[in-house]
């Protein structure tokens, strides 16, 4: 999987890195704000991602992971 989408003011890329998906998020200025492996992300990780982005980004990434 290698998916890139725009969600609100963010550009989100989700790609497989072996057995672990990697999430990369840039803001609308092109600054990378997240680059994390999220294969076994804990609730605290998702909370941190939400703080740096929005709940919409978290929800969409979860939906993309379900499609995989």
N, C-alpha and C. Protein backbone atom coordinates (compact mmCIF):
# COMPACT_ATOMS: atom_id res chain seq x y z
N UNK A 1 0.84 -1.17 0.00
CA UNK A 1 0.00 0.00 0.00
C UNK A 1 0.89 1.24 0.00
N UNK A 2 0.57 2.15 -0.87
CA UNK A 2 1.21 3.45 -0.88
C UNK A 2 0.13 4.45 -1.27
N UNK A 3 -0.41 5.14 -0.28
CA UNK A 3 -1.54 6.03 -0.49
C UNK A 3 -1.18 7.42 0.01
N UNK A 4 -1.54 8.42 -0.80
CA UNK A 4 -1.35 9.80 -0.37
C UNK A 4 -2.66 10.54 -0.60
N UNK A 5 -3.15 11.19 0.47
CA UNK A 5 -4.41 11.91 0.39
C UNK A 5 -4.28 13.26 1.10
N UNK A 6 -5.18 14.14 0.73
CA UNK A 6 -5.27 15.43 1.43
C UNK A 6 -6.45 15.34 2.38
N UNK A 7 -6.22 15.68 3.63
CA UNK A 7 -7.27 15.68 4.64
C UNK A 7 -7.25 17.05 5.31
N UNK A 8 -8.22 17.87 5.00
CA UNK A 8 -8.24 19.24 5.54
C UNK A 8 -7.00 19.98 5.12
N UNK A 9 -6.24 20.47 6.09
CA UNK A 9 -5.01 21.23 5.81
C UNK A 9 -3.76 20.35 5.81
N UNK A 10 -3.92 19.04 5.75
CA UNK A 10 -2.79 18.12 5.85
C UNK A 10 -2.71 17.20 4.64
N UNK A 11 -1.49 16.84 4.30
CA UNK A 11 -1.22 15.82 3.29
C UNK A 11 -0.72 14.59 4.03
N UNK A 12 -1.36 13.47 3.78
CA UNK A 12 -1.09 12.25 4.52
C UNK A 12 -0.63 11.16 3.57
N UNK A 13 0.50 10.53 3.90
CA UNK A 13 0.97 9.37 3.14
C UNK A 13 1.01 8.18 4.07
N UNK A 14 0.45 7.09 3.61
CA UNK A 14 0.46 5.84 4.34
C UNK A 14 1.06 4.80 3.41
N UNK A 15 2.16 4.19 3.85
CA UNK A 15 2.80 3.18 3.00
C UNK A 15 3.34 2.04 3.84
N UNK A 16 3.40 0.89 3.19
CA UNK A 16 3.94 -0.30 3.85
C UNK A 16 5.45 -0.24 3.85
N UNK A 17 6.02 -0.51 5.00
CA UNK A 17 7.46 -0.65 5.16
C UNK A 17 7.67 -2.04 5.74
N UNK A 18 7.60 -3.04 4.90
CA UNK A 18 7.66 -4.40 5.41
C UNK A 18 6.34 -4.76 6.03
N UNK A 19 6.35 -5.17 7.27
CA UNK A 19 5.11 -5.54 7.95
C UNK A 19 4.52 -4.40 8.78
N UNK A 20 5.13 -3.22 8.70
CA UNK A 20 4.67 -2.09 9.50
C UNK A 20 4.29 -0.91 8.60
N UNK A 21 3.05 -0.43 8.71
CA UNK A 21 2.68 0.77 7.95
C UNK A 21 3.37 2.00 8.53
N UNK A 22 3.77 2.89 7.65
CA UNK A 22 4.41 4.13 8.08
C UNK A 22 3.52 5.30 7.69
N UNK A 23 3.25 6.16 8.66
CA UNK A 23 2.43 7.34 8.46
C UNK A 23 3.34 8.56 8.40
N UNK A 24 3.16 9.36 7.36
CA UNK A 24 3.87 10.63 7.24
C UNK A 24 2.83 11.69 6.97
N UNK A 25 2.92 12.81 7.70
CA UNK A 25 1.96 13.90 7.55
C UNK A 25 2.72 15.21 7.39
N UNK A 26 2.30 15.99 6.40
CA UNK A 26 2.83 17.33 6.17
C UNK A 26 1.71 18.32 6.35
N UNK A 27 2.04 19.53 6.81
CA UNK A 27 1.02 20.58 6.88
C UNK A 27 0.91 21.24 5.51
N UNK A 28 0.02 22.21 5.39
CA UNK A 28 -0.20 22.84 4.08
C UNK A 28 0.95 23.73 3.64
N UNK A 29 1.94 23.93 4.49
CA UNK A 29 3.16 24.67 4.11
C UNK A 29 4.26 23.74 3.63
N UNK A 30 4.01 22.43 3.71
CA UNK A 30 5.00 21.45 3.27
C UNK A 30 5.95 21.00 4.36
N UNK A 31 5.69 21.37 5.60
CA UNK A 31 6.54 20.96 6.72
C UNK A 31 6.10 19.60 7.23
N UNK A 32 7.04 18.66 7.30
CA UNK A 32 6.72 17.34 7.81
C UNK A 32 6.53 17.44 9.31
N UNK A 33 5.36 16.96 9.79
CA UNK A 33 5.09 17.06 11.22
C UNK A 33 4.99 15.70 11.90
N UNK A 34 4.79 14.65 11.11
CA UNK A 34 4.76 13.29 11.67
C UNK A 34 5.42 12.35 10.68
N UNK A 35 6.23 11.45 11.19
CA UNK A 35 6.78 10.36 10.39
C UNK A 35 7.00 9.20 11.36
N UNK A 36 6.01 8.32 11.45
CA UNK A 36 6.01 7.27 12.45
C UNK A 36 5.55 5.93 11.87
N UNK A 37 6.13 4.85 12.37
CA UNK A 37 5.60 3.52 12.10
C UNK A 37 4.41 3.34 13.03
N UNK A 38 3.27 2.91 12.48
CA UNK A 38 2.06 2.84 13.29
C UNK A 38 1.46 1.44 13.33
N UNK A 39 2.26 0.43 13.04
CA UNK A 39 1.75 -0.94 13.01
C UNK A 39 1.09 -1.39 14.30
N UNK A 40 1.66 -1.06 15.42
CA UNK A 40 1.09 -1.45 16.70
C UNK A 40 0.93 -0.22 17.60
N UNK A 41 0.41 0.85 17.01
CA UNK A 41 0.27 2.11 17.73
C UNK A 41 -0.69 1.97 18.90
N UNK A 42 -0.31 2.52 20.02
CA UNK A 42 -1.13 2.51 21.22
C UNK A 42 -2.09 3.70 21.20
N UNK A 43 -3.10 3.70 22.06
CA UNK A 43 -3.99 4.86 22.12
C UNK A 43 -3.24 6.17 22.36
N UNK A 44 -2.17 6.13 23.14
CA UNK A 44 -1.39 7.35 23.40
C UNK A 44 -0.76 7.89 22.12
N UNK A 45 -0.34 6.99 21.24
CA UNK A 45 0.23 7.42 19.95
C UNK A 45 -0.83 8.13 19.13
N UNK A 46 -2.02 7.56 19.07
CA UNK A 46 -3.11 8.17 18.30
C UNK A 46 -3.51 9.52 18.90
N UNK A 47 -3.48 9.63 20.21
CA UNK A 47 -3.78 10.91 20.86
C UNK A 47 -2.75 11.96 20.47
N UNK A 48 -1.48 11.57 20.41
CA UNK A 48 -0.43 12.50 20.01
C UNK A 48 -0.59 12.92 18.56
N UNK A 49 -0.94 11.98 17.69
CA UNK A 49 -1.17 12.30 16.28
C UNK A 49 -2.33 13.28 16.17
N UNK A 50 -3.39 13.06 16.95
CA UNK A 50 -4.53 13.98 16.93
C UNK A 50 -4.14 15.37 17.40
N UNK A 51 -3.28 15.47 18.42
CA UNK A 51 -2.84 16.77 18.92
C UNK A 51 -2.06 17.53 17.85
N UNK A 52 -1.28 16.79 17.05
CA UNK A 52 -0.46 17.43 16.01
C UNK A 52 -1.24 17.72 14.74
N UNK A 53 -2.37 17.01 14.55
CA UNK A 53 -3.17 17.19 13.34
C UNK A 53 -4.61 17.47 13.77
N UNK A 54 -5.53 16.57 13.40
CA UNK A 54 -6.94 16.69 13.78
C UNK A 54 -7.53 15.29 13.96
N UNK A 55 -8.70 15.24 14.56
CA UNK A 55 -9.41 13.96 14.70
C UNK A 55 -9.76 13.41 13.32
N UNK A 56 -10.03 14.29 12.37
CA UNK A 56 -10.34 13.86 11.00
C UNK A 56 -9.18 13.07 10.39
N UNK A 57 -7.96 13.50 10.62
CA UNK A 57 -6.79 12.78 10.12
C UNK A 57 -6.72 11.40 10.75
N UNK A 58 -6.90 11.32 12.06
CA UNK A 58 -6.85 10.04 12.76
C UNK A 58 -7.93 9.10 12.21
N UNK A 59 -9.15 9.60 12.06
CA UNK A 59 -10.25 8.77 11.56
C UNK A 59 -9.97 8.27 10.14
N UNK A 60 -9.45 9.14 9.29
CA UNK A 60 -9.18 8.75 7.90
C UNK A 60 -8.05 7.73 7.82
N UNK A 61 -7.02 7.89 8.64
CA UNK A 61 -5.92 6.92 8.65
C UNK A 61 -6.44 5.57 9.11
N UNK A 62 -7.30 5.54 10.14
CA UNK A 62 -7.90 4.29 10.58
C UNK A 62 -8.70 3.64 9.45
N UNK A 63 -9.45 4.45 8.70
CA UNK A 63 -10.23 3.92 7.58
C UNK A 63 -9.32 3.34 6.50
N UNK A 64 -8.23 4.03 6.21
CA UNK A 64 -7.27 3.54 5.21
C UNK A 64 -6.65 2.22 5.66
N UNK A 65 -6.34 2.12 6.94
CA UNK A 65 -5.76 0.89 7.46
C UNK A 65 -6.75 -0.27 7.38
N UNK A 66 -8.04 0.01 7.55
CA UNK A 66 -9.06 -1.03 7.45
C UNK A 66 -9.21 -1.54 6.02
N UNK A 67 -9.00 -0.65 5.04
CA UNK A 67 -9.09 -1.04 3.64
C UNK A 67 -7.97 -1.96 3.23
N UNK A 68 -6.85 -1.87 3.91
CA UNK A 68 -5.65 -2.62 3.57
C UNK A 68 -5.84 -4.08 3.63
